[in-house]
Amino acid sequence: MLRIELMGKGSQFGDLDEVLRLSSEVDGLAPCIDFAHWHARTGQNNSYDEFVAVLRRMEEKLGRQV
């Protein structure tokens, strides 16, 4: 299993949607969500509720096992 990391800069490939899409399309690939990178990328997503929202999106796209 390889993990694709969510990246911190907006100019880099690897926002949440890209990571989830690739993880759903490529066998053996799963997301690695770095919440510090997500916060750096968006200036948001730094609270409990926002963390839960990201985890729910992951579950919706990839299933509970992720």
Protein backbone atom coordinates (compact mmCIF):
# COMPACT_ATOMS: atom_id res chain seq x y z
CA MET A 1 0.00 0.00 0.00
CA LEU A 2 1.32 3.41 -1.00
CA ARG A 3 0.03 6.62 0.55
CA ILE A 4 -0.39 9.83 -1.40
CA GLU A 5 0.05 12.87 0.83
CA LEU A 6 -2.11 15.94 0.92
CA MET A 7 0.24 18.82 0.10
CA GLY A 8 0.49 22.22 1.75
CA LYS A 9 1.02 24.61 -1.16
CA GLY A 10 -1.77 25.55 -3.52
CA SER A 11 0.60 25.32 -6.49
CA GLN A 12 1.38 21.66 -5.72
CA PHE A 13 -0.63 18.70 -6.93
CA GLY A 14 -2.32 17.06 -3.97
CA ASP A 15 -5.37 18.89 -2.65
CA LEU A 16 -7.97 16.82 -0.82
CA ASP A 17 -10.11 16.13 -3.90
CA GLU A 18 -7.08 15.06 -5.95
CA VAL A 19 -5.81 12.75 -3.20
CA LEU A 20 -9.22 11.14 -2.74
CA ARG A 21 -9.81 10.78 -6.48
CA LEU A 22 -6.45 9.13 -7.10
CA SER A 23 -6.93 6.85 -4.10
CA SER A 24 -10.28 5.71 -5.47
CA GLU A 25 -8.91 5.13 -8.99
CA VAL A 26 -5.57 3.38 -8.32
CA ASP A 27 -5.38 0.01 -6.59
CA GLY A 28 -2.93 -0.04 -3.70
CA LEU A 29 -3.05 3.73 -3.20
CA ALA A 30 -4.53 5.35 -0.09
CA PRO A 31 -4.58 8.90 1.28
CA CYS A 32 -2.18 10.32 3.82
CA ILE A 33 -3.93 13.36 5.23
CA ASP A 34 -1.54 15.82 6.86
CA PHE A 35 -3.88 18.24 8.61
CA ALA A 36 -1.08 20.79 9.08
CA HIS A 37 -0.59 20.80 5.30
CA TRP A 38 -4.35 21.12 4.76
CA HIS A 39 -4.45 24.11 7.13
CA ALA A 40 -1.42 25.69 5.41
CA ARG A 41 -3.04 25.19 2.01
CA THR A 42 -6.44 26.65 2.90
CA GLY A 43 -5.92 28.82 5.98
CA GLN A 44 -8.87 26.90 7.42
CA ASN A 45 -9.50 23.36 8.57
CA ASN A 46 -7.93 23.67 11.99
CA SER A 47 -10.80 22.74 14.28
CA TYR A 48 -12.35 19.50 15.47
CA ASP A 49 -15.44 19.98 13.29
CA GLU A 50 -13.30 20.65 10.22
CA PHE A 51 -11.17 17.55 10.90
CA VAL A 52 -14.35 15.48 11.18
CA ALA A 53 -15.62 16.92 7.89
CA VAL A 54 -12.41 15.81 6.11
CA LEU A 55 -12.65 12.33 7.63
CA ARG A 56 -16.29 12.07 6.56
CA ARG A 57 -15.38 13.03 2.99
CA MET A 58 -12.73 10.31 3.02
CA GLU A 59 -15.24 7.76 4.29
CA GLU A 60 -17.84 8.79 1.69
CA LYS A 61 -15.33 8.50 -1.17
CA LEU A 62 -13.26 5.52 -0.05
CA GLY A 63 -15.26 3.68 2.59
CA ARG A 64 -14.96 3.27 6.33
CA GLN A 65 -11.80 1.12 6.16
CA VAL A 66 -9.74 4.11 5.00
